[in-house]
Amino acid sequence: MTTAATTSTRNRRNRRAEILEAAARLFAARGFHGVSIEDIGSAVGVSGPALYRHFSGKDALLAEMLLDVSSRLRESGVAVATSASDPRQALDALLNVQITFAIEQPALITVHDRELGNVAEPQRRQIRRLQRLYVEEWVTVLAELHPACPAARLRAATHAVFGLLNSTPHSAGELPERDMRPLLHAMAKAAIDAVVNAR
């Protein structure tokens, strides 16, 4: 049964997500220091001070934005890797998770690349930890597919794939998504094969 409290909580969560999405677009376009709380409020149709009901300030908003996406990627990676029937299917699923993120969230990629240094150290450590855990999900799957390959090389392959896929803020746009997805998938798999088989 839906109660007034449940509805209020859901509305608040949706509002926070809307604010984070708007802030990501603005930070990507203008940079963290080029955006004010008033700019973010205007983008979601509220006054700047009204945002303080959801976030303590712009720094907190940036930290939550990057923590949230790092957490979601890691959770998605764990979910698809553990539910796959074999490591090849797990790799395809992990690739699909990262490709979906890369295609659908280019603003977050840009913000992470440019603005992580503006996140306070405690939250930055949390973000880095979540990212390392996500990488290790990939390394575990790749180790099953390439048991003779050293873990360091598999880790390098994973980072290379992320670099390739996360270039979508620059590479996406000319091709429709239905063509971009299989292209990215094929290129990522080729990159992994190149790294793990390199002599």
C-alpha atoms as a PDB file:
ATOM      1  CA  MET A   1       0.000   0.000   0.000  1.00  0.00           C
ATOM      2  CA  THR A   2       1.295   3.455  -0.930  1.00  0.00           C
ATOM      3  CA  THR A   3       1.238   5.928   1.945  1.00  0.00           C
ATOM      4  CA  ALA A   4       1.689   9.677   1.946  1.00  0.00           C
ATOM      5  CA  ALA A   5       5.116   9.190   3.507  1.00  0.00           C
ATOM      6  CA  THR A   6       6.122   6.712   0.780  1.00  0.00           C
ATOM      7  CA  THR A   7       4.959   9.109  -1.932  1.00  0.00           C
ATOM      8  CA  SER A   8       6.835  11.987  -0.295  1.00  0.00           C
ATOM      9  CA  THR A   9      10.040   9.940  -0.094  1.00  0.00           C
ATOM     10  CA  ARG A  10       9.713   8.866  -3.732  1.00  0.00           C
ATOM     11  CA  ASN A  11       9.082  12.441  -4.855  1.00  0.00           C
ATOM     12  CA  ARG A  12      12.094  13.669  -2.906  1.00  0.00           C
ATOM     13  CA  ARG A  13      14.286  10.934  -4.422  1.00  0.00           C
ATOM     14  CA  ASN A  14      13.042  11.805  -7.921  1.00  0.00           C
ATOM     15  CA  ARG A  15      13.687  15.489  -7.279  1.00  0.00           C
ATOM     16  CA  ARG A  16      17.237  14.768  -6.131  1.00  0.00           C
ATOM     17  CA  ALA A  17      17.848  12.691  -9.265  1.00  0.00           C
ATOM     18  CA  GLU A  18      16.486  15.529 -11.413  1.00  0.00           C
ATOM     19  CA  ILE A  19      18.808  18.015  -9.702  1.00  0.00           C
ATOM     20  CA  LEU A  20      21.823  15.727 -10.128  1.00  0.00           C
ATOM     21  CA  GLU A  21      21.068  15.246 -13.814  1.00  0.00           C
ATOM     22  CA  ALA A  22      20.694  18.970 -14.427  1.00  0.00           C
ATOM     23  CA  ALA A  23      23.864  19.735 -12.479  1.00  0.00           C
ATOM     24  CA  ALA A  24      25.810  17.137 -14.488  1.00  0.00           C
ATOM     25  CA  ARG A  25      24.782  18.793 -17.752  1.00  0.00           C
ATOM     26  CA  LEU A  26      25.745  22.235 -16.446  1.00  0.00           C
ATOM     27  CA  PHE A  27      29.071  21.104 -14.961  1.00  0.00           C
ATOM     28  CA  ALA A  28      29.938  19.341 -18.228  1.00  0.00           C
ATOM     29  CA  ALA A  29      29.101  22.419 -20.283  1.00  0.00           C
ATOM     30  CA  ARG A  30      30.586  25.166 -18.081  1.00  0.00           C
ATOM     31  CA  GLY A  31      32.812  23.476 -15.523  1.00  0.00           C
ATOM     32  CA  PHE A  32      32.174  23.117 -11.801  1.00  0.00           C
ATOM     33  CA  HIS A  33      33.407  26.618 -10.968  1.00  0.00           C
ATOM     34  CA  GLY A  34      31.408  28.145 -13.812  1.00  0.00           C
ATOM     35  CA  VAL A  35      28.066  27.015 -12.373  1.00  0.00           C
ATOM     36  CA  SER A  36      26.272  28.508  -9.373  1.00  0.00           C
ATOM     37  CA  ILE A  37      23.613  27.033  -7.124  1.00  0.00           C
ATOM     38  CA  GLU A  38      21.235  29.562  -8.696  1.00  0.00           C
ATOM     39  CA  ASP A  39      22.062  28.190 -12.171  1.00  0.00           C
ATOM     40  CA  ILE A  40      21.226  24.658 -11.034  1.00  0.00           C
ATOM     41  CA  GLY A  41      18.021  25.803  -9.353  1.00  0.00           C
ATOM     42  CA  SER A  42      16.958  27.638 -12.494  1.00  0.00           C
ATOM     43  CA  ALA A  43      17.573  24.497 -14.576  1.00  0.00           C
ATOM     44  CA  VAL A  44      15.074  22.542 -12.456  1.00  0.00           C
ATOM     45  CA  GLY A  45      12.610  25.394 -11.930  1.00  0.00           C
ATOM     46  CA  VAL A  46      13.315  26.297  -8.314  1.00  0.00           C
ATOM     47  CA  SER A  47      15.201  29.035  -6.528  1.00  0.00           C
ATOM     48  CA  GLY A  48      18.834  28.404  -5.727  1.00  0.00           C
ATOM     49  CA  PRO A  49      18.262  28.434  -1.941  1.00  0.00           C
ATOM     50  CA  ALA A  50      15.525  25.784  -2.351  1.00  0.00           C
ATOM     51  CA  LEU A  51      18.235  23.332  -3.419  1.00  0.00           C
ATOM     52  CA  TYR A  52      19.622  23.404   0.118  1.00  0.00           C
ATOM     53  CA  ARG A  53      16.640  21.254   1.145  1.00  0.00           C
ATOM     54  CA  HIS A  54      18.252  18.487  -0.929  1.00  0.00           C
ATOM     55  CA  PHE A  55      21.997  19.210  -0.789  1.00  0.00           C
ATOM     56  CA  SER A  56      24.140  21.129   1.667  1.00  0.00           C
ATOM     57  CA  GLY A  57      25.930  22.897  -1.178  1.00  0.00           C
ATOM     58  CA  LYS A  58      27.490  22.601  -4.612  1.00  0.00           C
ATOM     59  CA  ASP A  59      30.444  20.560  -3.292  1.00  0.00           C
ATOM     60  CA  ALA A  60      28.102  18.024  -1.709  1.00  0.00           C
ATOM     61  CA  LEU A  61      26.096  17.829  -4.920  1.00  0.00           C
ATOM     62  CA  LEU A  62      29.205  17.041  -6.985  1.00  0.00           C
ATOM     63  CA  ALA A  63      30.368  14.422  -4.489  1.00  0.00           C
ATOM     64  CA  GLU A  64      26.999  12.676  -4.458  1.00  0.00           C
ATOM     65  CA  MET A  65      26.820  12.786  -8.255  1.00  0.00           C
ATOM     66  CA  LEU A  66      30.125  10.947  -8.662  1.00  0.00           C
ATOM     67  CA  LEU A  67      29.540   8.595  -5.732  1.00  0.00           C
ATOM     68  CA  ASP A  68      26.125   7.683  -7.133  1.00  0.00           C
ATOM     69  CA  VAL A  69      27.336   6.844 -10.622  1.00  0.00           C
ATOM     70  CA  SER A  70      30.349   4.906  -9.297  1.00  0.00           C
ATOM     71  CA  SER A  71      28.086   2.915  -6.995  1.00  0.00           C
ATOM     72  CA  ARG A  72      25.537   2.193  -9.724  1.00  0.00           C
ATOM     73  CA  LEU A  73      28.193   0.986 -12.146  1.00  0.00           C
ATOM     74  CA  ARG A  74      29.734  -1.289  -9.551  1.00  0.00           C
ATOM     75  CA  GLU A  75      26.343  -2.719  -8.514  1.00  0.00           C
ATOM     76  CA  SER A  76      25.361  -3.310 -12.140  1.00  0.00           C
ATOM     77  CA  GLY A  77      28.693  -4.986 -12.820  1.00  0.00           C
ATOM     78  CA  VAL A  78      28.284  -7.339  -9.873  1.00  0.00           C
ATOM     79  CA  ALA A  79      24.687  -8.149 -10.850  1.00  0.00           C
ATOM     80  CA  VAL A  80      25.391  -9.045 -14.476  1.00  0.00           C
ATOM     81  CA  ALA A  81      28.647 -10.881 -13.764  1.00  0.00           C
ATOM     82  CA  THR A  82      27.149 -13.093 -11.066  1.00  0.00           C
ATOM     83  CA  SER A  83      23.985 -13.899 -13.030  1.00  0.00           C
ATOM     84  CA  ALA A  84      25.749 -14.837 -16.281  1.00  0.00           C
ATOM     85  CA  SER A  85      25.905 -18.522 -17.203  1.00  0.00           C
ATOM     86  CA  ASP A  86      29.561 -18.429 -18.271  1.00  0.00           C
ATOM     87  CA  PRO A  87      32.451 -15.937 -18.397  1.00  0.00           C
ATOM     88  CA  ARG A  88      31.931 -15.101 -22.069  1.00  0.00           C
ATOM     89  CA  GLN A  89      28.339 -14.122 -21.369  1.00  0.00           C
ATOM     90  CA  ALA A  90      29.526 -12.209 -18.302  1.00  0.00           C
ATOM     91  CA  LEU A  91      31.994 -10.197 -20.404  1.00  0.00           C
ATOM     92  CA  ASP A  92      29.313  -9.354 -22.960  1.00  0.00           C
ATOM     93  CA  ALA A  93      27.029  -8.231 -20.124  1.00  0.00           C
ATOM     94  CA  LEU A  94      29.768  -6.085 -18.559  1.00  0.00           C
ATOM     95  CA  LEU A  95      30.453  -4.506 -21.937  1.00  0.00           C
ATOM     96  CA  ASN A  96      26.755  -3.739 -22.331  1.00  0.00           C
ATOM     97  CA  VAL A  97      26.670  -2.082 -18.894  1.00  0.00           C
ATOM     98  CA  GLN A  98      29.613   0.157 -19.734  1.00  0.00           C
ATOM     99  CA  ILE A  99      28.382   0.915 -23.261  1.00  0.00           C
ATOM    100  CA  THR A 100      24.949   1.903 -21.955  1.00  0.00           C
ATOM    101  CA  PHE A 101      26.591   4.217 -19.437  1.00  0.00           C
ATOM    102  CA  ALA A 102      28.921   5.685 -22.061  1.00  0.00           C
ATOM    103  CA  ILE A 103      26.132   6.360 -24.549  1.00  0.00           C
ATOM    104  CA  GLU A 104      23.493   7.575 -22.109  1.00  0.00           C
ATOM    105  CA  GLN A 105      25.636   9.538 -19.621  1.00  0.00           C
ATOM    106  CA  PRO A 106      28.287  11.517 -21.546  1.00  0.00           C
ATOM    107  CA  ALA A 107      27.890  14.492 -19.203  1.00  0.00           C
ATOM    108  CA  LEU A 108      28.815  12.350 -16.196  1.00  0.00           C
ATOM    109  CA  ILE A 109      31.905  11.087 -18.008  1.00  0.00           C
ATOM    110  CA  THR A 110      33.006  14.652 -18.687  1.00  0.00           C
ATOM    111  CA  VAL A 111      32.310  15.746 -15.112  1.00  0.00           C
ATOM    112  CA  HIS A 112      34.232  12.820 -13.656  1.00  0.00           C
ATOM    113  CA  ASP A 113      37.236  13.405 -15.916  1.00  0.00           C
ATOM    114  CA  ARG A 114      37.421  17.124 -15.181  1.00  0.00           C
ATOM    115  CA  GLU A 115      36.016  17.615 -11.708  1.00  0.00           C
ATOM    116  CA  LEU A 116      36.974  14.667  -9.489  1.00  0.00           C
ATOM    117  CA  GLY A 117      39.734  16.831  -8.036  1.00  0.00           C
ATOM    118  CA  ASN A 118      37.067  19.212  -6.697  1.00  0.00           C
ATOM    119  CA  VAL A 119      35.549  16.476  -4.521  1.00  0.00           C
ATOM    120  CA  ALA A 120      36.658  16.460  -0.881  1.00  0.00           C
ATOM    121  CA  GLU A 121      39.270  13.814  -0.057  1.00  0.00           C
ATOM    122  CA  PRO A 122      37.051  11.454   2.015  1.00  0.00           C
ATOM    123  CA  GLN A 123      34.438  11.214  -0.741  1.00  0.00           C
ATOM    124  CA  ARG A 124      37.126  11.031  -3.408  1.00  0.00           C
ATOM    125  CA  ARG A 125      38.589   7.972  -1.665  1.00  0.00           C
ATOM    126  CA  GLN A 126      35.123   6.360  -1.635  1.00  0.00           C
ATOM    127  CA  ILE A 127      34.685   7.035  -5.338  1.00  0.00           C
ATOM    128  CA  ARG A 128      38.095   5.574  -6.145  1.00  0.00           C
ATOM    129  CA  ARG A 129      37.371   2.504  -4.014  1.00  0.00           C
ATOM    130  CA  LEU A 130      34.081   1.853  -5.817  1.00  0.00           C
ATOM    131  CA  GLN A 131      35.837   2.236  -9.146  1.00  0.00           C
ATOM    132  CA  ARG A 132      38.570  -0.225  -8.146  1.00  0.00           C
ATOM    133  CA  LEU A 133      35.928  -2.748  -7.099  1.00  0.00           C
ATOM    134  CA  TYR A 134      34.186  -2.310 -10.454  1.00  0.00           C
ATOM    135  CA  VAL A 135      37.470  -2.882 -12.282  1.00  0.00           C
ATOM    136  CA  GLU A 136      38.062  -6.044 -10.274  1.00  0.00           C
ATOM    137  CA  GLU A 137      34.697  -7.428 -11.437  1.00  0.00           C
ATOM    138  CA  TRP A 138      36.040  -7.167 -14.976  1.00  0.00           C
ATOM    139  CA  VAL A 139      39.417  -8.625 -14.035  1.00  0.00           C
ATOM    140  CA  THR A 140      37.750 -11.637 -12.394  1.00  0.00           C
ATOM    141  CA  VAL A 141      35.730 -12.365 -15.535  1.00  0.00           C
ATOM    142  CA  LEU A 142      38.691 -11.815 -17.843  1.00  0.00           C
ATOM    143  CA  ALA A 143      40.838 -14.129 -15.700  1.00  0.00           C
ATOM    144  CA  GLU A 144      38.353 -16.925 -16.319  1.00  0.00           C
ATOM    145  CA  LEU A 145      38.548 -16.308 -20.052  1.00  0.00           C
ATOM    146  CA  HIS A 146      42.329 -15.852 -20.119  1.00  0.00           C
ATOM    147  CA  PRO A 147      43.719 -17.847 -17.160  1.00  0.00           C
ATOM    148  CA  ALA A 148      47.319 -17.624 -18.394  1.00  0.00           C
ATOM    149  CA  CYS A 149      47.250 -13.831 -18.623  1.00  0.00           C
ATOM    150  CA  PRO A 150      48.726 -11.911 -15.645  1.00  0.00           C
ATOM    151  CA  ALA A 151      46.241  -9.920 -13.567  1.00  0.00           C
ATOM    152  CA  ALA A 152      48.170  -6.706 -14.228  1.00  0.00           C
ATOM    153  CA  ARG A 153      47.663  -7.136 -17.972  1.00  0.00           C
ATOM    154  CA  LEU A 154      43.957  -7.883 -17.502  1.00  0.00           C
ATOM    155  CA  ARG A 155      43.646  -4.754 -15.379  1.00  0.00           C
ATOM    156  CA  ALA A 156      45.393  -2.761 -18.104  1.00  0.00           C
ATOM    157  CA  ALA A 157      42.990  -4.217 -20.673  1.00  0.00           C
ATOM    158  CA  THR A 158      40.031  -3.171 -18.537  1.00  0.00           C
ATOM    159  CA  HIS A 159      41.290   0.413 -18.209  1.00  0.00           C
ATOM    160  CA  ALA A 160      41.992   0.525 -21.943  1.00  0.00           C
ATOM    161  CA  VAL A 161      38.410  -0.533 -22.657  1.00  0.00           C
ATOM    162  CA  PHE A 162      37.044   2.111 -20.302  1.00  0.00           C
ATOM    163  CA  GLY A 163      39.139   4.740 -22.062  1.00  0.00           C
ATOM    164  CA  LEU A 164      37.836   3.628 -25.436  1.00  0.00           C
ATOM    165  CA  LEU A 165      34.187   3.437 -24.424  1.00  0.00           C
ATOM    166  CA  ASN A 166      34.243   6.607 -22.340  1.00  0.00           C
ATOM    167  CA  SER A 167      35.384   8.623 -25.333  1.00  0.00           C
ATOM    168  CA  THR A 168      31.725   8.889 -26.378  1.00  0.00           C
ATOM    169  CA  PRO A 169      31.430  12.582 -25.342  1.00  0.00           C
ATOM    170  CA  HIS A 170      33.747  13.130 -28.345  1.00  0.00           C
ATOM    171  CA  SER A 171      32.920  10.209 -30.648  1.00  0.00           C
ATOM    172  CA  ALA A 172      29.134   9.820 -30.361  1.00  0.00           C
ATOM    173  CA  GLY A 173      26.732  11.970 -32.315  1.00  0.00           C
ATOM    174  CA  GLU A 174      27.187  11.185 -35.983  1.00  0.00           C
ATOM    175  CA  LEU A 175      26.096   7.557 -35.674  1.00  0.00           C
ATOM    176  CA  PRO A 176      22.675   6.584 -34.272  1.00  0.00           C
ATOM    177  CA  GLU A 177      22.702   4.560 -31.058  1.00  0.00           C
ATOM    178  CA  ARG A 178      21.637   1.358 -32.856  1.00  0.00           C
ATOM    179  CA  ASP A 179      24.878   1.545 -34.878  1.00  0.00           C
ATOM    180  CA  MET A 180      27.082   2.939 -32.108  1.00  0.00           C
ATOM    181  CA  ARG A 181      26.374   0.112 -29.651  1.00  0.00           C
ATOM    182  CA  PRO A 182      27.615  -2.807 -31.811  1.00  0.00           C
ATOM    183  CA  LEU A 183      30.561  -0.711 -33.017  1.00  0.00           C
ATOM    184  CA  LEU A 184      31.686   0.002 -29.448  1.00  0.00           C
ATOM    185  CA  HIS A 185      31.120  -3.619 -28.458  1.00  0.00           C
ATOM    186  CA  ALA A 186      33.248  -4.940 -31.322  1.00  0.00           C
ATOM    187  CA  MET A 187      36.021  -2.402 -30.734  1.00  0.00           C
ATOM    188  CA  ALA A 188      36.111  -3.118 -26.996  1.00  0.00           C
ATOM    189  CA  LYS A 189      36.400  -6.867 -27.520  1.00  0.00           C
ATOM    190  CA  ALA A 190      39.142  -6.304 -30.095  1.00  0.00           C
ATOM    191  CA  ALA A 191      40.984  -4.063 -27.624  1.00  0.00           C
ATOM    192  CA  ILE A 192      40.806  -6.722 -24.912  1.00  0.00           C
ATOM    193  CA  ASP A 193      42.084  -9.400 -27.287  1.00  0.00           C
ATOM    194  CA  ALA A 194      44.928  -7.119 -28.409  1.00  0.00           C
ATOM    195  CA  VAL A 195      46.066  -6.454 -24.842  1.00  0.00           C
ATOM    196  CA  VAL A 196      45.819  -9.968 -23.465  1.00  0.00           C
ATOM    197  CA  ASN A 197      47.419 -11.553 -26.525  1.00  0.00           C
ATOM    198  CA  ALA A 198      50.208  -8.993 -26.947  1.00  0.00           C
ATOM    199  CA  ARG A 199      53.737 -10.325 -26.649  1.00  0.00           C
END
